[in-house]
Amino acid sequence: MSSRKHTALTTIAMVASCGALAACAVPVTMHAGVAGSVAAVSDETTGAGLYYPPASSVETPNILFQQMPGVGPQQRQSFVDQVNLAVGIPGRSVPIVAQAVGANRETLVLLYVGGEGAMTTYLARGVLARLTAVTRSAPAIQEMGLSSEFDAYNMAAVLGFGRIVVTDGRAFAHQANLRQN
């Protein structure tokens, strides 16, 4: 893949995730009295046990795109900062808080704050499907002919994330390990 196409994919990942997420805004639902403490065992390389509970379910999706050369922890942190700014419109929000955690910020944690019910693998995949729909609908993705291949998993892989975790921050975490084929 050409350097120009890699640069375009990174730009697209940022635009699709940040700009378009605000267009999908829903009213904010905050959890009252979220209880819990830091787990006794934590993995500083992935953030497990410190930023999210142990994985309740794990998947390894097919990754079609390679990490952009030169993308590191600072770019991943900038990405999640931009996502949080885009979804943080006062009074309205996409019901997630994004974090880049771990030793090299290679874990993308999406803390779901959109409901009072129990978090499930199905709901976690729904959050990822919503991000995929937003990514695929970006005009630049469609113009490049990538609308069927470029999903939330591949977007994260382009930015150098090694895993995505969707969690309720209490007892549930769905983890996607991003391995390139």
C-alpha atoms as a PDB file:
ATOM      1  CA  MET A   1       0.000   0.000   0.000  1.00  0.00           C
ATOM      2  CA  SER A   2       1.400   3.394  -0.953  1.00  0.00           C
ATOM      3  CA  SER A   3       2.495   6.000   1.579  1.00  0.00           C
ATOM      4  CA  ARG A   4      -0.144   8.367   0.223  1.00  0.00           C
ATOM      5  CA  LYS A   5      -2.876   5.783   0.772  1.00  0.00           C
ATOM      6  CA  HIS A   6      -1.584   5.161   4.347  1.00  0.00           C
ATOM      7  CA  THR A   7      -1.715   8.889   5.080  1.00  0.00           C
ATOM      8  CA  ALA A   8      -5.208   9.065   3.625  1.00  0.00           C
ATOM      9  CA  LEU A   9      -6.340   6.121   5.775  1.00  0.00           C
ATOM     10  CA  THR A  10      -5.048   7.784   8.941  1.00  0.00           C
ATOM     11  CA  THR A  11      -6.801  11.024   8.046  1.00  0.00           C
ATOM     12  CA  ILE A  12      -9.959   9.094   7.246  1.00  0.00           C
ATOM     13  CA  ALA A  13      -9.782   7.220  10.541  1.00  0.00           C
ATOM     14  CA  MET A  14      -9.577  10.505  12.421  1.00  0.00           C
ATOM     15  CA  VAL A  15     -12.334  12.221  10.406  1.00  0.00           C
ATOM     16  CA  ALA A  16     -14.666   9.236  10.372  1.00  0.00           C
ATOM     17  CA  SER A  17     -14.323   8.655  14.093  1.00  0.00           C
ATOM     18  CA  CYS A  18     -14.300  12.203  15.346  1.00  0.00           C
ATOM     19  CA  GLY A  19     -16.441  14.263  13.009  1.00  0.00           C
ATOM     20  CA  ALA A  20     -19.064  11.689  12.224  1.00  0.00           C
ATOM     21  CA  LEU A  21     -19.495  10.510  15.806  1.00  0.00           C
ATOM     22  CA  ALA A  22     -20.928  13.883  16.741  1.00  0.00           C
ATOM     23  CA  ALA A  23     -23.546  13.424  14.022  1.00  0.00           C
ATOM     24  CA  CYS A  24     -24.709  10.228  15.743  1.00  0.00           C
ATOM     25  CA  ALA A  25     -25.289  11.928  19.091  1.00  0.00           C
ATOM     26  CA  VAL A  26     -27.822  10.576  21.559  1.00  0.00           C
ATOM     27  CA  PRO A  27     -28.945  11.966  24.919  1.00  0.00           C
ATOM     28  CA  VAL A  28     -26.503  11.312  27.765  1.00  0.00           C
ATOM     29  CA  THR A  29     -27.341   8.636  30.318  1.00  0.00           C
ATOM     30  CA  MET A  30     -25.003   8.700  33.306  1.00  0.00           C
ATOM     31  CA  HIS A  31     -24.634   5.892  35.812  1.00  0.00           C
ATOM     32  CA  ALA A  32     -25.392   6.893  39.364  1.00  0.00           C
ATOM     33  CA  GLY A  33     -22.935   5.610  41.925  1.00  0.00           C
ATOM     34  CA  VAL A  34     -20.750   3.389  39.782  1.00  0.00           C
ATOM     35  CA  ALA A  35     -19.005   1.360  42.429  1.00  0.00           C
ATOM     36  CA  GLY A  36     -15.843  -0.620  42.221  1.00  0.00           C
ATOM     37  CA  SER A  37     -12.188  -0.581  42.982  1.00  0.00           C
ATOM     38  CA  VAL A  38      -8.995  -1.212  41.103  1.00  0.00           C
ATOM     39  CA  ALA A  39      -8.558  -4.930  40.589  1.00  0.00           C
ATOM     40  CA  ALA A  40      -5.955  -6.651  42.733  1.00  0.00           C
ATOM     41  CA  VAL A  41      -4.169  -7.863  39.600  1.00  0.00           C
ATOM     42  CA  SER A  42      -3.523  -5.476  36.748  1.00  0.00           C
ATOM     43  CA  ASP A  43      -1.543  -5.661  33.526  1.00  0.00           C
ATOM     44  CA  GLU A  44       0.252  -2.387  32.878  1.00  0.00           C
ATOM     45  CA  THR A  45       1.047  -3.362  29.282  1.00  0.00           C
ATOM     46  CA  THR A  46      -2.642  -3.673  28.319  1.00  0.00           C
ATOM     47  CA  GLY A  47      -4.435  -1.769  31.091  1.00  0.00           C
ATOM     48  CA  ALA A  48      -6.445  -4.862  32.091  1.00  0.00           C
ATOM     49  CA  GLY A  49      -7.510  -4.743  35.713  1.00  0.00           C
ATOM     50  CA  LEU A  50      -6.669  -1.053  35.965  1.00  0.00           C
ATOM     51  CA  TYR A  51      -8.866   0.551  33.284  1.00  0.00           C
ATOM     52  CA  TYR A  52     -11.276  -2.303  32.621  1.00  0.00           C
ATOM     53  CA  PRO A  53     -12.244  -5.641  34.197  1.00  0.00           C
ATOM     54  CA  PRO A  54     -10.916  -8.957  32.865  1.00  0.00           C
ATOM     55  CA  ALA A  55     -12.272  -9.815  29.425  1.00  0.00           C
ATOM     56  CA  SER A  56     -15.639 -11.565  29.530  1.00  0.00           C
ATOM     57  CA  SER A  57     -15.391 -12.385  25.831  1.00  0.00           C
ATOM     58  CA  VAL A  58     -12.570 -12.236  23.271  1.00  0.00           C
ATOM     59  CA  GLU A  59     -12.536 -12.198  19.486  1.00  0.00           C
ATOM     60  CA  THR A  60      -9.810 -11.862  16.852  1.00  0.00           C
ATOM     61  CA  PRO A  61     -11.226 -10.078  13.803  1.00  0.00           C
ATOM     62  CA  ASN A  62      -9.605 -10.216  10.371  1.00  0.00           C
ATOM     63  CA  ILE A  63      -7.347  -7.141   9.987  1.00  0.00           C
ATOM     64  CA  LEU A  64      -6.724  -6.102   6.392  1.00  0.00           C
ATOM     65  CA  PHE A  65      -4.668  -2.932   6.861  1.00  0.00           C
ATOM     66  CA  GLN A  66      -1.244  -2.408   8.414  1.00  0.00           C
ATOM     67  CA  GLN A  67      -0.297   0.168  10.995  1.00  0.00           C
ATOM     68  CA  MET A  68       0.705   3.510   9.551  1.00  0.00           C
ATOM     69  CA  PRO A  69       4.469   4.057   9.717  1.00  0.00           C
ATOM     70  CA  GLY A  70       5.413   6.623  12.344  1.00  0.00           C
ATOM     71  CA  VAL A  71       2.217   6.274  14.377  1.00  0.00           C
ATOM     72  CA  GLY A  72       3.017   5.998  18.079  1.00  0.00           C
ATOM     73  CA  PRO A  73       1.574   6.566  21.548  1.00  0.00           C
ATOM     74  CA  GLN A  74       1.217  10.333  21.051  1.00  0.00           C
ATOM     75  CA  GLN A  75      -0.887   9.902  17.908  1.00  0.00           C
ATOM     76  CA  ARG A  76      -3.078   7.284  19.585  1.00  0.00           C
ATOM     77  CA  GLN A  77      -3.605   9.614  22.562  1.00  0.00           C
ATOM     78  CA  SER A  78      -4.411  12.492  20.225  1.00  0.00           C
ATOM     79  CA  PHE A  79      -6.941  10.265  18.459  1.00  0.00           C
ATOM     80  CA  VAL A  80      -8.811   9.391  21.668  1.00  0.00           C
ATOM     81  CA  ASP A  81      -8.671  13.027  22.805  1.00  0.00           C
ATOM     82  CA  GLN A  82     -10.336  14.050  19.537  1.00  0.00           C
ATOM     83  CA  VAL A  83     -12.953  11.298  19.877  1.00  0.00           C
ATOM     84  CA  ASN A  84     -13.779  12.460  23.401  1.00  0.00           C
ATOM     85  CA  LEU A  85     -14.038  16.092  22.286  1.00  0.00           C
ATOM     86  CA  ALA A  86     -16.337  15.096  19.411  1.00  0.00           C
ATOM     87  CA  VAL A  87     -18.671  13.053  21.617  1.00  0.00           C
ATOM     88  CA  GLY A  88     -18.615  15.495  24.524  1.00  0.00           C
ATOM     89  CA  ILE A  89     -21.092  18.059  23.212  1.00  0.00           C
ATOM     90  CA  PRO A  90     -22.845  19.498  26.301  1.00  0.00           C
ATOM     91  CA  GLY A  91     -26.240  17.875  26.839  1.00  0.00           C
ATOM     92  CA  ARG A  92     -25.805  15.364  24.021  1.00  0.00           C
ATOM     93  CA  SER A  93     -23.275  12.615  23.544  1.00  0.00           C
ATOM     94  CA  VAL A  94     -22.384   9.335  21.936  1.00  0.00           C
ATOM     95  CA  PRO A  95     -22.518   7.071  24.995  1.00  0.00           C
ATOM     96  CA  ILE A  96     -18.800   6.217  25.110  1.00  0.00           C
ATOM     97  CA  VAL A  97     -15.634   7.531  26.678  1.00  0.00           C
ATOM     98  CA  ALA A  98     -12.490   6.570  24.769  1.00  0.00           C
ATOM     99  CA  GLN A  99      -9.106   5.917  26.372  1.00  0.00           C
ATOM    100  CA  ALA A 100      -5.717   4.850  25.025  1.00  0.00           C
ATOM    101  CA  VAL A 101      -4.165   2.746  27.771  1.00  0.00           C
ATOM    102  CA  GLY A 102      -1.253   0.429  28.406  1.00  0.00           C
ATOM    103  CA  ALA A 103       2.481   0.888  28.269  1.00  0.00           C
ATOM    104  CA  ASN A 104       2.447   2.227  24.679  1.00  0.00           C
ATOM    105  CA  ARG A 105      -1.211   3.245  24.591  1.00  0.00           C
ATOM    106  CA  GLU A 106      -1.926   0.260  22.341  1.00  0.00           C
ATOM    107  CA  THR A 107      -5.270  -0.625  23.922  1.00  0.00           C
ATOM    108  CA  LEU A 108      -8.312   1.365  22.783  1.00  0.00           C
ATOM    109  CA  VAL A 109     -10.831   1.236  25.632  1.00  0.00           C
ATOM    110  CA  LEU A 110     -14.397   2.296  24.891  1.00  0.00           C
ATOM    111  CA  LEU A 111     -16.248   2.779  28.166  1.00  0.00           C
ATOM    112  CA  TYR A 112     -19.959   2.458  27.416  1.00  0.00           C
ATOM    113  CA  VAL A 113     -22.013   4.813  29.567  1.00  0.00           C
ATOM    114  CA  GLY A 114     -25.281   4.550  27.646  1.00  0.00           C
ATOM    115  CA  GLY A 115     -27.486   2.315  29.702  1.00  0.00           C
ATOM    116  CA  GLU A 116     -28.504   0.969  33.055  1.00  0.00           C
ATOM    117  CA  GLY A 117     -28.861  -2.662  31.974  1.00  0.00           C
ATOM    118  CA  ALA A 118     -26.230  -5.365  31.950  1.00  0.00           C
ATOM    119  CA  MET A 119     -23.503  -5.103  29.323  1.00  0.00           C
ATOM    120  CA  THR A 120     -23.287  -8.088  26.999  1.00  0.00           C
ATOM    121  CA  THR A 121     -21.111  -9.245  24.112  1.00  0.00           C
ATOM    122  CA  TYR A 122     -24.000  -8.347  21.809  1.00  0.00           C
ATOM    123  CA  LEU A 123     -24.153  -4.776  23.099  1.00  0.00           C
ATOM    124  CA  ALA A 124     -20.352  -4.459  22.814  1.00  0.00           C
ATOM    125  CA  ARG A 125     -20.491  -5.636  19.211  1.00  0.00           C
ATOM    126  CA  GLY A 126     -23.310  -3.159  18.640  1.00  0.00           C
ATOM    127  CA  VAL A 127     -21.078  -0.312  19.825  1.00  0.00           C
ATOM    128  CA  LEU A 128     -18.371  -1.511  17.412  1.00  0.00           C
ATOM    129  CA  ALA A 129     -20.937  -1.899  14.605  1.00  0.00           C
ATOM    130  CA  ARG A 130     -22.063   1.679  15.134  1.00  0.00           C
ATOM    131  CA  LEU A 131     -18.467   2.885  14.847  1.00  0.00           C
ATOM    132  CA  THR A 132     -18.062   0.734  11.736  1.00  0.00           C
ATOM    133  CA  ALA A 133     -21.177   2.257  10.147  1.00  0.00           C
ATOM    134  CA  VAL A 134     -19.862   5.740  10.833  1.00  0.00           C
ATOM    135  CA  THR A 135     -16.461   4.818   9.397  1.00  0.00           C
ATOM    136  CA  ARG A 136     -17.897   3.230   6.254  1.00  0.00           C
ATOM    137  CA  SER A 137     -20.214   6.149   5.575  1.00  0.00           C
ATOM    138  CA  ALA A 138     -17.356   8.646   5.453  1.00  0.00           C
ATOM    139  CA  PRO A 139     -17.163  10.045   1.896  1.00  0.00           C
ATOM    140  CA  ALA A 140     -13.385   9.582   1.739  1.00  0.00           C
ATOM    141  CA  ILE A 141     -13.725   5.864   2.580  1.00  0.00           C
ATOM    142  CA  GLN A 142     -16.337   5.444  -0.146  1.00  0.00           C
ATOM    143  CA  GLU A 143     -14.250   7.388  -2.676  1.00  0.00           C
ATOM    144  CA  MET A 144     -11.280   5.083  -2.006  1.00  0.00           C
ATOM    145  CA  GLY A 145     -13.506   2.033  -2.560  1.00  0.00           C
ATOM    146  CA  LEU A 146     -12.920   0.766   0.978  1.00  0.00           C
ATOM    147  CA  SER A 147     -16.454   0.999   2.338  1.00  0.00           C
ATOM    148  CA  SER A 148     -16.824  -2.776   2.634  1.00  0.00           C
ATOM    149  CA  GLU A 149     -13.366  -3.423   4.173  1.00  0.00           C
ATOM    150  CA  PHE A 150     -12.693  -0.477   6.480  1.00  0.00           C
ATOM    151  CA  ASP A 151     -14.359  -1.072   9.837  1.00  0.00           C
ATOM    152  CA  ALA A 152     -13.741  -0.028  13.456  1.00  0.00           C
ATOM    153  CA  TYR A 153     -11.201  -2.833  13.866  1.00  0.00           C
ATOM    154  CA  ASN A 154      -9.172  -1.845  10.791  1.00  0.00           C
ATOM    155  CA  MET A 155      -9.379   1.841  11.716  1.00  0.00           C
ATOM    156  CA  ALA A 156      -7.845   1.045  15.106  1.00  0.00           C
ATOM    157  CA  ALA A 157      -5.188  -1.190  13.519  1.00  0.00           C
ATOM    158  CA  VAL A 158      -4.137   1.612  11.122  1.00  0.00           C
ATOM    159  CA  LEU A 159      -3.563   3.792  14.196  1.00  0.00           C
ATOM    160  CA  GLY A 160      -1.453   1.087  15.869  1.00  0.00           C
ATOM    161  CA  PHE A 161      -3.875  -0.194  18.482  1.00  0.00           C
ATOM    162  CA  GLY A 162      -3.280  -3.867  19.298  1.00  0.00           C
ATOM    163  CA  ARG A 163      -6.682  -4.394  20.890  1.00  0.00           C
ATOM    164  CA  ILE A 164     -10.061  -2.759  21.401  1.00  0.00           C
ATOM    165  CA  VAL A 165     -11.939  -3.267  24.645  1.00  0.00           C
ATOM    166  CA  VAL A 166     -15.593  -2.279  25.069  1.00  0.00           C
ATOM    167  CA  THR A 167     -16.539  -2.233  28.737  1.00  0.00           C
ATOM    168  CA  ASP A 168     -19.197  -1.049  31.141  1.00  0.00           C
ATOM    169  CA  GLY A 169     -16.437  -0.212  33.622  1.00  0.00           C
ATOM    170  CA  ARG A 170     -17.918  -2.510  36.251  1.00  0.00           C
ATOM    171  CA  ALA A 171     -17.921  -6.214  35.493  1.00  0.00           C
ATOM    172  CA  PHE A 172     -17.951  -6.704  31.724  1.00  0.00           C
ATOM    173  CA  ALA A 173     -15.321  -6.276  29.007  1.00  0.00           C
ATOM    174  CA  HIS A 174     -15.389  -7.493  25.401  1.00  0.00           C
ATOM    175  CA  GLN A 175     -11.911  -7.597  23.863  1.00  0.00           C
ATOM    176  CA  ALA A 176     -10.968  -7.671  20.188  1.00  0.00           C
ATOM    177  CA  ASN A 177      -7.342  -8.629  19.564  1.00  0.00           C
ATOM    178  CA  LEU A 178      -6.170  -6.920  16.378  1.00  0.00           C
ATOM    179  CA  ARG A 179      -3.846  -9.263  14.513  1.00  0.00           C
ATOM    180  CA  GLN A 180      -2.830  -8.459  10.971  1.00  0.00           C
ATOM    181  CA  ASN A 181      -3.115 -11.281   8.442  1.00  0.00           C
END
